[in-house]
């Protein structure tokens, strides 16, 4: 899978089961109507059961400058509180933490889930979106992080 480039996301959740948060690269759009995402989370992760019980999640698409946040959330042995301490957060509709400075935050209610191999695939209806224009994204490819986007100079050139 190292040859499959993917956006780097922090998936968060909050509710009766508590807080959850983990780094996820397996998230994508399923359909525009109704707006639906899928998010894959390993069943061995404690986050999986919390997210399932809460019935909500937020996909926070990381900007190129948030590599350290991705690493913090991927570090085993850290509590969710320790993970969340590395950045500023707010909330949208569901109450799941929304990462300030993310390229995009897609706040969702979980509609259904399927078990596939080692992972749960959560199908999620979009409740709210926060988008921040003009920043580069972060992808994971070849076992490393990479910046993706259009430089300011290139953007000015395209607009001219």
C-alpha atoms as a PDB file:
ATOM      1  CA  UNK A   1       0.000   0.000   0.000  1.00  0.00           C
ATOM      2  CA  UNK A   2       3.045   2.306   0.157  1.00  0.00           C
ATOM      3  CA  UNK A   3       2.513   3.052  -3.543  1.00  0.00           C
ATOM      4  CA  UNK A   4      -0.982   4.427  -2.959  1.00  0.00           C
ATOM      5  CA  UNK A   5      -0.870   8.161  -2.221  1.00  0.00           C
ATOM      6  CA  UNK A   6      -3.497   9.296   0.274  1.00  0.00           C
ATOM      7  CA  UNK A   7      -4.533  12.428   2.130  1.00  0.00           C
ATOM      8  CA  UNK A   8      -3.555  12.441   5.795  1.00  0.00           C
ATOM      9  CA  UNK A   9      -6.495  12.906   8.160  1.00  0.00           C
ATOM     10  CA  UNK A  10      -7.130  13.044  11.866  1.00  0.00           C
ATOM     11  CA  UNK A  11     -10.433  11.341  12.639  1.00  0.00           C
ATOM     12  CA  UNK A  12     -12.027  12.437  15.907  1.00  0.00           C
ATOM     13  CA  UNK A  13     -15.207  11.613  17.779  1.00  0.00           C
ATOM     14  CA  UNK A  14     -16.950  12.699  20.960  1.00  0.00           C
ATOM     15  CA  UNK A  15     -20.044  11.491  22.743  1.00  0.00           C
ATOM     16  CA  UNK A  16     -21.333   9.176  25.453  1.00  0.00           C
ATOM     17  CA  UNK A  17     -18.459   6.716  24.870  1.00  0.00           C
ATOM     18  CA  UNK A  18     -15.852   9.480  25.272  1.00  0.00           C
ATOM     19  CA  UNK A  19     -13.237  11.090  23.058  1.00  0.00           C
ATOM     20  CA  UNK A  20     -11.458   9.317  20.211  1.00  0.00           C
ATOM     21  CA  UNK A  21      -8.777  10.424  17.789  1.00  0.00           C
ATOM     22  CA  UNK A  22      -6.420   8.733  15.347  1.00  0.00           C
ATOM     23  CA  UNK A  23      -4.463   9.332  12.144  1.00  0.00           C
ATOM     24  CA  UNK A  24      -6.228   7.851   9.106  1.00  0.00           C
ATOM     25  CA  UNK A  25      -5.286   7.725   5.428  1.00  0.00           C
ATOM     26  CA  UNK A  26      -8.240   5.552   4.356  1.00  0.00           C
ATOM     27  CA  UNK A  27     -11.041   8.096   3.954  1.00  0.00           C
ATOM     28  CA  UNK A  28     -12.806   9.139   0.766  1.00  0.00           C
ATOM     29  CA  UNK A  29     -15.976  10.457  -0.794  1.00  0.00           C
ATOM     30  CA  UNK A  30     -18.631   7.869  -1.621  1.00  0.00           C
ATOM     31  CA  UNK A  31     -21.357  10.069  -3.132  1.00  0.00           C
ATOM     32  CA  UNK A  32     -22.358  13.717  -3.484  1.00  0.00           C
ATOM     33  CA  UNK A  33     -26.083  13.063  -3.049  1.00  0.00           C
ATOM     34  CA  UNK A  34     -26.519  12.525  -0.230  1.00  0.00           C
ATOM     35  CA  UNK A  35     -23.034  13.690   0.788  1.00  0.00           C
ATOM     36  CA  UNK A  36     -21.395  10.538   2.173  1.00  0.00           C
ATOM     37  CA  UNK A  37     -17.850   9.539   3.142  1.00  0.00           C
ATOM     38  CA  UNK A  38     -16.269   6.264   4.062  1.00  0.00           C
ATOM     39  CA  UNK A  39     -13.622   5.969   6.749  1.00  0.00           C
ATOM     40  CA  UNK A  40     -11.663   2.791   7.534  1.00  0.00           C
ATOM     41  CA  UNK A  41     -10.391   2.195  11.070  1.00  0.00           C
ATOM     42  CA  UNK A  42      -8.572  -0.875  12.358  1.00  0.00           C
ATOM     43  CA  UNK A  43     -10.758  -2.968  14.656  1.00  0.00           C
ATOM     44  CA  UNK A  44      -7.833  -3.481  17.055  1.00  0.00           C
ATOM     45  CA  UNK A  45      -7.740   0.278  17.745  1.00  0.00           C
ATOM     46  CA  UNK A  46      -9.525   1.425  20.915  1.00  0.00           C
ATOM     47  CA  UNK A  47     -10.785   4.345  18.805  1.00  0.00           C
ATOM     48  CA  UNK A  48     -12.874   1.973  16.693  1.00  0.00           C
ATOM     49  CA  UNK A  49     -15.296   0.990  19.464  1.00  0.00           C
ATOM     50  CA  UNK A  50     -15.554   4.551  20.818  1.00  0.00           C
ATOM     51  CA  UNK A  51     -16.371   5.953  17.370  1.00  0.00           C
ATOM     52  CA  UNK A  52     -18.912   3.185  16.777  1.00  0.00           C
ATOM     53  CA  UNK A  53     -20.652   3.858  20.110  1.00  0.00           C
ATOM     54  CA  UNK A  54     -20.613   7.656  19.672  1.00  0.00           C
ATOM     55  CA  UNK A  55     -22.155   7.393  16.207  1.00  0.00           C
ATOM     56  CA  UNK A  56     -20.216  10.386  14.910  1.00  0.00           C
ATOM     57  CA  UNK A  57     -16.818  11.336  13.580  1.00  0.00           C
ATOM     58  CA  UNK A  58     -15.030  14.270  12.028  1.00  0.00           C
ATOM     59  CA  UNK A  59     -12.508  13.839   9.223  1.00  0.00           C
ATOM     60  CA  UNK A  60      -9.925  16.610   9.640  1.00  0.00           C
ATOM     61  CA  UNK A  61      -7.904  16.846   6.402  1.00  0.00           C
ATOM     62  CA  UNK A  62      -4.414  18.001   7.388  1.00  0.00           C
ATOM     63  CA  UNK A  63      -2.605  20.937   5.876  1.00  0.00           C
ATOM     64  CA  UNK A  64       1.003  20.531   4.789  1.00  0.00           C
ATOM     65  CA  UNK A  65       2.134  22.260   7.994  1.00  0.00           C
ATOM     66  CA  UNK A  66       0.425  19.728  10.284  1.00  0.00           C
ATOM     67  CA  UNK A  67       2.800  16.763   9.933  1.00  0.00           C
ATOM     68  CA  UNK A  68       3.532  16.958  13.667  1.00  0.00           C
ATOM     69  CA  UNK A  69      -0.196  16.558  14.423  1.00  0.00           C
ATOM     70  CA  UNK A  70      -0.309  13.433  12.241  1.00  0.00           C
ATOM     71  CA  UNK A  71       2.666  11.984  14.107  1.00  0.00           C
ATOM     72  CA  UNK A  72       1.192  12.842  17.528  1.00  0.00           C
ATOM     73  CA  UNK A  73      -2.065  11.045  16.685  1.00  0.00           C
ATOM     74  CA  UNK A  74      -0.196   8.046  15.258  1.00  0.00           C
ATOM     75  CA  UNK A  75       1.925   7.581  18.389  1.00  0.00           C
ATOM     76  CA  UNK A  76       0.871   4.466  20.285  1.00  0.00           C
ATOM     77  CA  UNK A  77       0.622   4.759  24.028  1.00  0.00           C
ATOM     78  CA  UNK A  78      -0.612   8.363  24.080  1.00  0.00           C
ATOM     79  CA  UNK A  79      -4.046   9.042  25.524  1.00  0.00           C
ATOM     80  CA  UNK A  80      -6.565  10.953  23.416  1.00  0.00           C
ATOM     81  CA  UNK A  81      -6.128  13.922  25.778  1.00  0.00           C
ATOM     82  CA  UNK A  82      -2.368  13.887  25.128  1.00  0.00           C
ATOM     83  CA  UNK A  83      -2.991  13.694  21.389  1.00  0.00           C
ATOM     84  CA  UNK A  84      -5.449  16.593  21.447  1.00  0.00           C
ATOM     85  CA  UNK A  85      -3.014  18.756  23.458  1.00  0.00           C
ATOM     86  CA  UNK A  86      -0.819  19.317  20.377  1.00  0.00           C
ATOM     87  CA  UNK A  87      -3.284  21.664  18.617  1.00  0.00           C
ATOM     88  CA  UNK A  88      -6.318  23.931  18.990  1.00  0.00           C
ATOM     89  CA  UNK A  89      -9.808  22.484  18.505  1.00  0.00           C
ATOM     90  CA  UNK A  90     -13.395  23.613  18.104  1.00  0.00           C
ATOM     91  CA  UNK A  91     -16.650  21.807  17.216  1.00  0.00           C
ATOM     92  CA  UNK A  92     -19.311  21.867  14.496  1.00  0.00           C
ATOM     93  CA  UNK A  93     -22.622  19.945  14.504  1.00  0.00           C
ATOM     94  CA  UNK A  94     -21.822  16.579  16.118  1.00  0.00           C
ATOM     95  CA  UNK A  95     -19.523  17.742  18.904  1.00  0.00           C
ATOM     96  CA  UNK A  96     -16.537  15.831  17.497  1.00  0.00           C
ATOM     97  CA  UNK A  97     -13.286  17.828  17.751  1.00  0.00           C
ATOM     98  CA  UNK A  98     -12.518  19.970  14.693  1.00  0.00           C
ATOM     99  CA  UNK A  99      -8.846  20.789  14.121  1.00  0.00           C
ATOM    100  CA  UNK A 100      -8.140  24.494  13.741  1.00  0.00           C
ATOM    101  CA  UNK A 101      -5.987  25.102  10.662  1.00  0.00           C
ATOM    102  CA  UNK A 102      -7.010  21.928   8.839  1.00  0.00           C
ATOM    103  CA  UNK A 103      -7.598  22.194   5.085  1.00  0.00           C
ATOM    104  CA  UNK A 104     -11.078  20.838   5.645  1.00  0.00           C
ATOM    105  CA  UNK A 105     -13.133  19.380   8.478  1.00  0.00           C
ATOM    106  CA  UNK A 106     -16.006  17.088   7.504  1.00  0.00           C
ATOM    107  CA  UNK A 107     -18.287  16.481  10.471  1.00  0.00           C
ATOM    108  CA  UNK A 108     -20.420  13.342  10.116  1.00  0.00           C
ATOM    109  CA  UNK A 109     -23.032  11.054  11.617  1.00  0.00           C
ATOM    110  CA  UNK A 110     -22.298   7.361  11.067  1.00  0.00           C
ATOM    111  CA  UNK A 111     -25.014   5.777   8.922  1.00  0.00           C
ATOM    112  CA  UNK A 112     -23.678   2.205   8.807  1.00  0.00           C
ATOM    113  CA  UNK A 113     -20.566   0.076   9.216  1.00  0.00           C
ATOM    114  CA  UNK A 114     -19.141  -3.030   7.545  1.00  0.00           C
ATOM    115  CA  UNK A 115     -16.341  -5.320   8.655  1.00  0.00           C
ATOM    116  CA  UNK A 116     -13.684  -5.962   5.988  1.00  0.00           C
ATOM    117  CA  UNK A 117     -10.561  -7.879   6.968  1.00  0.00           C
ATOM    118  CA  UNK A 118      -8.878  -6.125   9.882  1.00  0.00           C
ATOM    119  CA  UNK A 119     -10.892  -2.915   9.524  1.00  0.00           C
ATOM    120  CA  UNK A 120     -14.337  -1.431  10.004  1.00  0.00           C
ATOM    121  CA  UNK A 121     -15.583   0.662   7.091  1.00  0.00           C
ATOM    122  CA  UNK A 122     -17.794   3.441   8.461  1.00  0.00           C
ATOM    123  CA  UNK A 123     -20.256   5.029   6.008  1.00  0.00           C
ATOM    124  CA  UNK A 124     -20.924   8.564   7.181  1.00  0.00           C
ATOM    125  CA  UNK A 125     -23.497  11.201   6.278  1.00  0.00           C
ATOM    126  CA  UNK A 126     -22.050  14.712   6.214  1.00  0.00           C
ATOM    127  CA  UNK A 127     -23.591  17.026   8.848  1.00  0.00           C
ATOM    128  CA  UNK A 128     -21.300  20.069   8.419  1.00  0.00           C
ATOM    129  CA  UNK A 129     -18.145  21.156   6.601  1.00  0.00           C
ATOM    130  CA  UNK A 130     -15.492  23.753   7.361  1.00  0.00           C
ATOM    131  CA  UNK A 131     -13.120  24.544   4.471  1.00  0.00           C
ATOM    132  CA  UNK A 132     -10.001  26.726   4.522  1.00  0.00           C
ATOM    133  CA  UNK A 133      -8.963  27.941   1.073  1.00  0.00           C
ATOM    134  CA  UNK A 134      -5.422  28.700   0.025  1.00  0.00           C
ATOM    135  CA  UNK A 135      -3.404  26.113   1.924  1.00  0.00           C
ATOM    136  CA  UNK A 136      -1.492  23.063   0.750  1.00  0.00           C
ATOM    137  CA  UNK A 137      -2.479  19.564   1.809  1.00  0.00           C
ATOM    138  CA  UNK A 138      -0.496  16.695   3.294  1.00  0.00           C
ATOM    139  CA  UNK A 139      -0.321  13.289   1.642  1.00  0.00           C
ATOM    140  CA  UNK A 140       1.375  10.049   2.618  1.00  0.00           C
ATOM    141  CA  UNK A 141       3.218   8.230  -0.174  1.00  0.00           C
ATOM    142  CA  UNK A 142       6.211   5.892  -0.235  1.00  0.00           C
ATOM    143  CA  UNK A 143       6.212   5.698   3.580  1.00  0.00           C
ATOM    144  CA  UNK A 144       6.734   9.452   3.931  1.00  0.00           C
ATOM    145  CA  UNK A 145       4.782  12.708   4.124  1.00  0.00           C
ATOM    146  CA  UNK A 146       4.647  15.095   1.163  1.00  0.00           C
ATOM    147  CA  UNK A 147       3.227  18.565   0.555  1.00  0.00           C
ATOM    148  CA  UNK A 148       0.655  18.806  -2.229  1.00  0.00           C
ATOM    149  CA  UNK A 149      -0.861  21.974  -3.633  1.00  0.00           C
ATOM    150  CA  UNK A 150      -0.230  24.990  -5.742  1.00  0.00           C
ATOM    151  CA  UNK A 151       2.412  27.513  -4.748  1.00  0.00           C
ATOM    152  CA  UNK A 152       1.390  31.164  -4.513  1.00  0.00           C
ATOM    153  CA  UNK A 153       3.610  31.974  -7.508  1.00  0.00           C
ATOM    154  CA  UNK A 154       2.044  29.204  -9.592  1.00  0.00           C
ATOM    155  CA  UNK A 155      -1.463  30.273  -8.544  1.00  0.00           C
ATOM    156  CA  UNK A 156      -0.733  33.878  -9.603  1.00  0.00           C
ATOM    157  CA  UNK A 157       0.617  32.562 -12.918  1.00  0.00           C
ATOM    158  CA  UNK A 158      -2.546  30.507 -13.518  1.00  0.00           C
ATOM    159  CA  UNK A 159      -4.799  33.490 -12.733  1.00  0.00           C
ATOM    160  CA  UNK A 160      -2.856  35.823 -15.076  1.00  0.00           C
END
